[in-house]
């Protein structure tokens, strides 16, 4: 993986975190996945060990949970 992947659900916490991340690491260094608009990616997020969003998966595969916007389980409902 060359880019970080940022998963979020579109809530205010997530949108703020997205803006901050893009400012910090640059839009070209991060893939943004909005799980509310791309629910087919929820399984991918779970496979990466994401339990809540917003969360960032680094190029080395580490998961950084940022604040708390929504649990992955809530997005599946």
PDB file of N, CA and C in Angstrom:
ATOM      1  N   UNK A   1       0.839  -1.169   0.000  1.00  0.00           N
ATOM      2  CA  UNK A   1       0.000   0.000   0.000  1.00  0.00           C
ATOM      3  C   UNK A   1       0.890   1.240   0.000  1.00  0.00           C
ATOM      4  N   UNK A   2       0.680   2.133  -0.933  1.00  0.00           N
ATOM      5  CA  UNK A   2       1.490   3.341  -1.029  1.00  0.00           C
ATOM      6  C   UNK A   2       0.852   4.541  -0.352  1.00  0.00           C
ATOM      7  N   UNK A   3      -0.469   4.559  -0.295  1.00  0.00           N
ATOM      8  CA  UNK A   3      -1.200   5.667   0.301  1.00  0.00           C
ATOM      9  C   UNK A   3      -1.809   5.230   1.629  1.00  0.00           C
ATOM     10  N   UNK A   4      -2.086   6.228   2.446  1.00  0.00           N
ATOM     11  CA  UNK A   4      -2.925   5.974   3.611  1.00  0.00           C
ATOM     12  C   UNK A   4      -4.364   5.923   3.116  1.00  0.00           C
ATOM     13  N   UNK A   5      -5.222   5.246   3.871  1.00  0.00           N
ATOM     14  CA  UNK A   5      -6.640   5.197   3.530  1.00  0.00           C
ATOM     15  C   UNK A   5      -7.411   5.729   4.727  1.00  0.00           C
ATOM     16  N   UNK A   6      -8.239   6.740   4.479  1.00  0.00           N
ATOM     17  CA  UNK A   6      -9.038   7.364   5.520  1.00  0.00           C
ATOM     18  C   UNK A   6     -10.488   6.949   5.338  1.00  0.00           C
ATOM     19  N   UNK A   7     -11.025   6.254   6.334  1.00  0.00           N
ATOM     20  CA  UNK A   7     -12.418   5.812   6.308  1.00  0.00           C
ATOM     21  C   UNK A   7     -13.233   6.738   7.195  1.00  0.00           C
ATOM     22  N   UNK A   8     -14.400   7.131   6.704  1.00  0.00           N
ATOM     23  CA  UNK A   8     -15.295   7.943   7.531  1.00  0.00           C
ATOM     24  C   UNK A   8     -16.740   7.732   7.125  1.00  0.00           C
ATOM     25  N   UNK A   9     -17.641   8.338   7.916  1.00  0.00           N
ATOM     26  CA  UNK A   9     -19.072   8.145   7.680  1.00  0.00           C
ATOM     27  C   UNK A   9     -19.803   9.438   7.330  1.00  0.00           C
ATOM     28  N   UNK A  10     -19.074  10.533   7.208  1.00  0.00           N
ATOM     29  CA  UNK A  10     -19.696  11.786   6.816  1.00  0.00           C
ATOM     30  C   UNK A  10     -20.213  12.640   7.958  1.00  0.00           C
ATOM     31  N   UNK A  11     -20.051  12.192   9.183  1.00  0.00           N
ATOM     32  CA  UNK A  11     -20.507  12.976  10.329  1.00  0.00           C
ATOM     33  C   UNK A  11     -19.579  14.190  10.518  1.00  0.00           C
ATOM     34  N   UNK A  12     -19.985  15.184  11.318  1.00  0.00           N
ATOM     35  CA  UNK A  12     -19.135  16.364  11.516  1.00  0.00           C
ATOM     36  C   UNK A  12     -17.735  16.040  12.032  1.00  0.00           C
ATOM     37  N   UNK A  13     -17.622  15.073  12.943  1.00  0.00           N
ATOM     38  CA  UNK A  13     -16.300  14.674  13.455  1.00  0.00           C
ATOM     39  C   UNK A  13     -15.443  14.150  12.299  1.00  0.00           C
ATOM     40  N   UNK A  14     -16.041  13.324  11.444  1.00  0.00           N
ATOM     41  CA  UNK A  14     -15.322  12.719  10.320  1.00  0.00           C
ATOM     42  C   UNK A  14     -14.897  13.764   9.288  1.00  0.00           C
ATOM     43  N   UNK A  15     -15.795  14.669   8.974  1.00  0.00           N
ATOM     44  CA  UNK A  15     -15.511  15.690   7.969  1.00  0.00           C
ATOM     45  C   UNK A  15     -14.376  16.601   8.439  1.00  0.00           C
ATOM     46  N   UNK A  16     -14.394  16.960   9.720  1.00  0.00           N
ATOM     47  CA  UNK A  16     -13.317  17.785  10.272  1.00  0.00           C
ATOM     48  C   UNK A  16     -11.989  17.035  10.235  1.00  0.00           C
ATOM     49  N   UNK A  17     -12.010  15.766  10.624  1.00  0.00           N
ATOM     50  CA  UNK A  17     -10.783  14.959  10.603  1.00  0.00           C
ATOM     51  C   UNK A  17     -10.252  14.817   9.184  1.00  0.00           C
ATOM     52  N   UNK A  18     -11.147  14.633   8.212  1.00  0.00           N
ATOM     53  CA  UNK A  18     -10.719  14.535   6.819  1.00  0.00           C
ATOM     54  C   UNK A  18     -10.002  15.804   6.371  1.00  0.00           C
ATOM     55  N   UNK A  19     -10.579  16.948   6.664  1.00  0.00           N
ATOM     56  CA  UNK A  19      -9.971  18.220   6.269  1.00  0.00           C
ATOM     57  C   UNK A  19      -8.590  18.394   6.907  1.00  0.00           C
ATOM     58  N   UNK A  20      -8.473  18.042   8.167  1.00  0.00           N
ATOM     59  CA  UNK A  20      -7.188  18.157   8.864  1.00  0.00           C
ATOM     60  C   UNK A  20      -6.139  17.214   8.268  1.00  0.00           C
ATOM     61  N   UNK A  21      -6.549  15.972   7.995  1.00  0.00           N
ATOM     62  CA  UNK A  21      -5.605  15.002   7.422  1.00  0.00           C
ATOM     63  C   UNK A  21      -5.114  15.433   6.047  1.00  0.00           C
ATOM     64  N   UNK A  22      -6.037  15.884   5.215  1.00  0.00           N
ATOM     65  CA  UNK A  22      -5.649  16.328   3.876  1.00  0.00           C
ATOM     66  C   UNK A  22      -4.672  17.495   3.986  1.00  0.00           C
ATOM     67  N   UNK A  23      -4.923  18.392   4.925  1.00  0.00           N
ATOM     68  CA  UNK A  23      -4.020  19.530   5.140  1.00  0.00           C
ATOM     69  C   UNK A  23      -2.643  19.060   5.615  1.00  0.00           C
ATOM     70  N   UNK A  24      -2.619  18.062   6.493  1.00  0.00           N
ATOM     71  CA  UNK A  24      -1.357  17.578   7.064  1.00  0.00           C
ATOM     72  C   UNK A  24      -0.532  16.728   6.100  1.00  0.00           C
ATOM     73  N   UNK A  25      -1.174  15.780   5.422  1.00  0.00           N
ATOM     74  CA  UNK A  25      -0.392  14.846   4.613  1.00  0.00           C
ATOM     75  C   UNK A  25      -0.585  15.016   3.109  1.00  0.00           C
ATOM     76  N   UNK A  26      -1.553  15.827   2.719  1.00  0.00           N
ATOM     77  CA  UNK A  26      -1.758  16.094   1.292  1.00  0.00           C
ATOM     78  C   UNK A  26      -2.759  15.147   0.657  1.00  0.00           C
ATOM     79  N   UNK A  27      -3.551  15.685  -0.245  1.00  0.00           N
ATOM     80  CA  UNK A  27      -4.613  14.920  -0.898  1.00  0.00           C
ATOM     81  C   UNK A  27      -4.073  13.739  -1.706  1.00  0.00           C
ATOM     82  N   UNK A  28      -2.879  13.870  -2.262  1.00  0.00           N
ATOM     83  CA  UNK A  28      -2.299  12.795  -3.068  1.00  0.00           C
ATOM     84  C   UNK A  28      -1.783  11.623  -2.231  1.00  0.00           C
ATOM     85  N   UNK A  29      -1.647  11.839  -0.921  1.00  0.00           N
ATOM     86  CA  UNK A  29      -1.097  10.795  -0.054  1.00  0.00           C
ATOM     87  C   UNK A  29      -2.162   9.986   0.672  1.00  0.00           C
ATOM     88  N   UNK A  30      -3.437  10.332   0.443  1.00  0.00           N
ATOM     89  CA  UNK A  30      -4.502   9.644   1.171  1.00  0.00           C
ATOM     90  C   UNK A  30      -5.696   9.368   0.255  1.00  0.00           C
ATOM     91  N   UNK A  31      -6.222   8.155   0.369  1.00  0.00           N
ATOM     92  CA  UNK A  31      -7.457   7.789  -0.320  1.00  0.00           C
ATOM     93  C   UNK A  31      -8.590   7.961   0.680  1.00  0.00           C
ATOM     94  N   UNK A  32      -9.632   8.668   0.295  1.00  0.00           N
ATOM     95  CA  UNK A  32     -10.762   8.926   1.173  1.00  0.00           C
ATOM     96  C   UNK A  32     -11.897   7.960   0.829  1.00  0.00           C
ATOM     97  N   UNK A  33     -12.383   7.241   1.838  1.00  0.00           N
ATOM     98  CA  UNK A  33     -13.512   6.331   1.635  1.00  0.00           C
ATOM     99  C   UNK A  33     -14.630   6.729   2.593  1.00  0.00           C
ATOM    100  N   UNK A  34     -15.731   7.169   2.030  1.00  0.00           N
ATOM    101  CA  UNK A  34     -16.929   7.569   2.786  1.00  0.00           C
ATOM    102  C   UNK A  34     -17.826   6.334   2.854  1.00  0.00           C
ATOM    103  N   UNK A  35     -17.864   5.704   4.005  1.00  0.00           N
ATOM    104  CA  UNK A  35     -18.605   4.450   4.152  1.00  0.00           C
ATOM    105  C   UNK A  35     -20.116   4.640   4.039  1.00  0.00           C
ATOM    106  N   UNK A  36     -20.607   5.836   4.277  1.00  0.00           N
ATOM    107  CA  UNK A  36     -22.021   6.103   4.081  1.00  0.00           C
ATOM    108  C   UNK A  36     -22.403   6.075   2.615  1.00  0.00           C
ATOM    109  N   UNK A  37     -21.469   6.488   1.761  1.00  0.00           N
ATOM    110  CA  UNK A  37     -21.698   6.493   0.319  1.00  0.00           C
ATOM    111  C   UNK A  37     -21.172   5.239  -0.359  1.00  0.00           C
ATOM    112  N   UNK A  38     -20.274   4.519   0.313  1.00  0.00           N
ATOM    113  CA  UNK A  38     -19.672   3.304  -0.236  1.00  0.00           C
ATOM    114  C   UNK A  38     -19.798   2.165   0.778  1.00  0.00           C
ATOM    115  N   UNK A  39     -21.030   1.747   1.101  1.00  0.00           N
ATOM    116  CA  UNK A  39     -21.191   0.710   2.127  1.00  0.00           C
ATOM    117  C   UNK A  39     -20.533  -0.621   1.766  1.00  0.00           C
ATOM    118  N   UNK A  40     -20.268  -0.837   0.496  1.00  0.00           N
ATOM    119  CA  UNK A  40     -19.589  -2.075   0.096  1.00  0.00           C
ATOM    120  C   UNK A  40     -18.154  -2.130   0.629  1.00  0.00           C
ATOM    121  N   UNK A  41     -17.630  -1.002   1.108  1.00  0.00           N
ATOM    122  CA  UNK A  41     -16.269  -0.948   1.651  1.00  0.00           C
ATOM    123  C   UNK A  41     -16.226  -1.233   3.155  1.00  0.00           C
ATOM    124  N   UNK A  42     -17.392  -1.414   3.789  1.00  0.00           N
ATOM    125  CA  UNK A  42     -17.415  -1.683   5.233  1.00  0.00           C
ATOM    126  C   UNK A  42     -16.659  -2.964   5.560  1.00  0.00           C
ATOM    127  N   UNK A  43     -16.861  -4.002   4.767  1.00  0.00           N
ATOM    128  CA  UNK A  43     -16.155  -5.272   5.010  1.00  0.00           C
ATOM    129  C   UNK A  43     -14.639  -5.075   4.892  1.00  0.00           C
ATOM    130  N   UNK A  44     -14.208  -4.283   3.933  1.00  0.00           N
ATOM    131  CA  UNK A  44     -12.782  -3.971   3.777  1.00  0.00           C
ATOM    132  C   UNK A  44     -12.257  -3.253   5.020  1.00  0.00           C
ATOM    133  N   UNK A  45     -13.032  -2.313   5.541  1.00  0.00           N
ATOM    134  CA  UNK A  45     -12.632  -1.578   6.744  1.00  0.00           C
ATOM    135  C   UNK A  45     -12.513  -2.532   7.940  1.00  0.00           C
ATOM    136  N   UNK A  46     -13.477  -3.425   8.080  1.00  0.00           N
ATOM    137  CA  UNK A  46     -13.421  -4.397   9.177  1.00  0.00           C
ATOM    138  C   UNK A  46     -12.212  -5.317   9.039  1.00  0.00           C
ATOM    139  N   UNK A  47     -11.889  -5.710   7.821  1.00  0.00           N
ATOM    140  CA  UNK A  47     -10.722  -6.578   7.592  1.00  0.00           C
ATOM    141  C   UNK A  47      -9.424  -5.872   7.969  1.00  0.00           C
ATOM    142  N   UNK A  48      -9.436  -4.549   7.904  1.00  0.00           N
ATOM    143  CA  UNK A  48      -8.258  -3.764   8.285  1.00  0.00           C
ATOM    144  C   UNK A  48      -8.219  -3.487   9.784  1.00  0.00           C
ATOM    145  N   UNK A  49      -9.195  -4.042  10.540  1.00  0.00           N
ATOM    146  CA  UNK A  49      -9.289  -3.905  11.999  1.00  0.00           C
ATOM    147  C   UNK A  49      -9.842  -2.558  12.443  1.00  0.00           C
ATOM    148  N   UNK A  50     -10.624  -1.917  11.585  1.00  0.00           N
ATOM    149  CA  UNK A  50     -11.270  -0.667  11.966  1.00  0.00           C
ATOM    150  C   UNK A  50     -12.540  -1.000  12.731  1.00  0.00           C
ATOM    151  N   UNK A  51     -12.686  -0.402  13.909  1.00  0.00           N
ATOM    152  CA  UNK A  51     -13.865  -0.632  14.740  1.00  0.00           C
ATOM    153  C   UNK A  51     -14.755   0.595  14.815  1.00  0.00           C
ATOM    154  N   UNK A  52     -14.208   1.764  14.480  1.00  0.00           N
ATOM    155  CA  UNK A  52     -14.987   2.996  14.480  1.00  0.00           C
ATOM    156  C   UNK A  52     -14.350   3.963  13.479  1.00  0.00           C
ATOM    157  N   UNK A  53     -15.139   4.934  13.084  1.00  0.00           N
ATOM    158  CA  UNK A  53     -14.653   5.967  12.173  1.00  0.00           C
ATOM    159  C   UNK A  53     -14.818   7.324  12.846  1.00  0.00           C
ATOM    160  N   UNK A  54     -13.971   8.273  12.510  1.00  0.00           N
ATOM    161  CA  UNK A  54     -12.961   8.249  11.467  1.00  0.00           C
ATOM    162  C   UNK A  54     -11.741   7.419  11.869  1.00  0.00           C
ATOM    163  N   UNK A  55     -11.124   6.821  10.868  1.00  0.00           N
ATOM    164  CA  UNK A  55      -9.923   6.021  11.098  1.00  0.00           C
ATOM    165  C   UNK A  55      -9.020   6.097   9.872  1.00  0.00           C
ATOM    166  N   UNK A  56      -7.743   6.052  10.128  1.00  0.00           N
ATOM    167  CA  UNK A  56      -6.742   6.110   9.074  1.00  0.00           C
ATOM    168  C   UNK A  56      -5.934   4.828   9.084  1.00  0.00           C
ATOM    169  N   UNK A  57      -5.812   4.185   7.939  1.00  0.00           N
ATOM    170  CA  UNK A  57      -4.929   3.035   7.787  1.00  0.00           C
ATOM    171  C   UNK A  57      -3.677   3.546   7.098  1.00  0.00           C
ATOM    172  N   UNK A  58      -2.539   3.378   7.762  1.00  0.00           N
ATOM    173  CA  UNK A  58      -1.278   3.886   7.222  1.00  0.00           C
ATOM    174  C   UNK A  58      -0.752   2.955   6.129  1.00  0.00           C
ATOM    175  N   UNK A  59       0.216   3.419   5.357  1.00  0.00           N
ATOM    176  CA  UNK A  59       0.790   2.557   4.308  1.00  0.00           C
ATOM    177  C   UNK A  59       1.384   1.247   4.848  1.00  0.00           C
ATOM    178  N   UNK A  60       1.742   1.213   6.125  1.00  0.00           N
ATOM    179  CA  UNK A  60       2.281  -0.011   6.710  1.00  0.00           C
ATOM    180  C   UNK A  60       1.192  -0.910   7.298  1.00  0.00           C
ATOM    181  N   UNK A  61      -0.074  -0.460   7.209  1.00  0.00           N
ATOM    182  CA  UNK A  61      -1.182  -1.266   7.687  1.00  0.00           C
ATOM    183  C   UNK A  61      -1.637  -0.972   9.102  1.00  0.00           C
ATOM    184  N   UNK A  62      -0.995  -0.025   9.773  1.00  0.00           N
ATOM    185  CA  UNK A  62      -1.428   0.341  11.119  1.00  0.00           C
ATOM    186  C   UNK A  62      -2.724   1.140  11.042  1.00  0.00           C
ATOM    187  N   UNK A  63      -3.613   0.919  12.011  1.00  0.00           N
ATOM    188  CA  UNK A  63      -4.885   1.629  12.066  1.00  0.00           C
ATOM    189  C   UNK A  63      -4.812   2.687  13.160  1.00  0.00           C
ATOM    190  N   UNK A  64      -5.135   3.900  12.788  1.00  0.00           N
ATOM    191  CA  UNK A  64      -5.182   5.007  13.738  1.00  0.00           C
ATOM    192  C   UNK A  64      -6.635   5.451  13.852  1.00  0.00           C
ATOM    193  N   UNK A  65      -7.270   5.135  14.975  1.00  0.00           N
ATOM    194  CA  UNK A  65      -8.638   5.586  15.210  1.00  0.00           C
ATOM    195  C   UNK A  65      -8.560   7.031  15.694  1.00  0.00           C
ATOM    196  N   UNK A  66      -9.303   7.900  15.043  1.00  0.00           N
ATOM    197  CA  UNK A  66      -9.236   9.330  15.314  1.00  0.00           C
ATOM    198  C   UNK A  66     -10.552   9.772  15.938  1.00  0.00           C
ATOM    199  N   UNK A  67     -10.493  10.220  17.206  1.00  0.00           N
ATOM    200  CA  UNK A  67     -11.698  10.677  17.885  1.00  0.00           C
ATOM    201  C   UNK A  67     -12.764   9.589  17.799  1.00  0.00           C
ATOM    202  N   UNK A  68     -14.030   9.928  17.789  1.00  0.00           N
ATOM    203  CA  UNK A  68     -15.086   8.932  17.610  1.00  0.00           C
ATOM    204  C   UNK A  68     -16.265   9.592  16.930  1.00  0.00           C
ATOM    205  N   UNK A  69     -16.641   9.042  15.798  1.00  0.00           N
ATOM    206  CA  UNK A  69     -17.792   9.536  15.068  1.00  0.00           C
ATOM    207  C   UNK A  69     -18.898   8.501  15.037  1.00  0.00           C
ATOM    208  N   UNK A  70     -18.550   7.260  14.695  1.00  0.00           N
ATOM    209  CA  UNK A  70     -19.539   6.177  14.621  1.00  0.00           C
ATOM    210  C   UNK A  70     -18.823   4.831  14.685  1.00  0.00           C
ATOM    211  N   UNK A  71     -19.506   3.873  15.288  1.00  0.00           N
ATOM    212  CA  UNK A  71     -19.001   2.499  15.301  1.00  0.00           C
ATOM    213  C   UNK A  71     -19.299   1.852  13.965  1.00  0.00           C
ATOM    214  N   UNK A  72     -18.414   0.977  13.516  1.00  0.00           N
ATOM    215  CA  UNK A  72     -18.643   0.249  12.251  1.00  0.00           C
ATOM    216  C   UNK A  72     -19.958  -0.526  12.331  1.00  0.00           C
ATOM    217  N   UNK A  73     -20.259  -1.106  13.470  1.00  0.00           N
ATOM    218  CA  UNK A  73     -21.506  -1.858  13.626  1.00  0.00           C
ATOM    219  C   UNK A  73     -22.720  -0.987  13.341  1.00  0.00           C
ATOM    220  N   UNK A  74     -22.670   0.286  13.714  1.00  0.00           N
ATOM    221  CA  UNK A  74     -23.777   1.193  13.457  1.00  0.00           C
ATOM    222  C   UNK A  74     -23.964   1.486  11.968  1.00  0.00           C
ATOM    223  N   UNK A  75     -22.892   1.422  11.227  1.00  0.00           N
ATOM    224  CA  UNK A  75     -22.964   1.695   9.786  1.00  0.00           C
ATOM    225  C   UNK A  75     -23.589   0.543   9.018  1.00  0.00           C
ATOM    226  N   UNK A  76     -23.565  -0.647   9.602  1.00  0.00           N
ATOM    227  CA  UNK A  76     -24.130  -1.828   8.935  1.00  0.00           C
ATOM    228  C   UNK A  76     -25.641  -1.918   9.133  1.00  0.00           C
ATOM    229  N   UNK A  77     -26.165  -1.160  10.046  1.00  0.00           N
ATOM    230  CA  UNK A  77     -27.607  -1.235  10.359  1.00  0.00           C
ATOM    231  C   UNK A  77     -28.455  -0.551   9.303  1.00  0.00           C
TER     232      UNK A  77
END
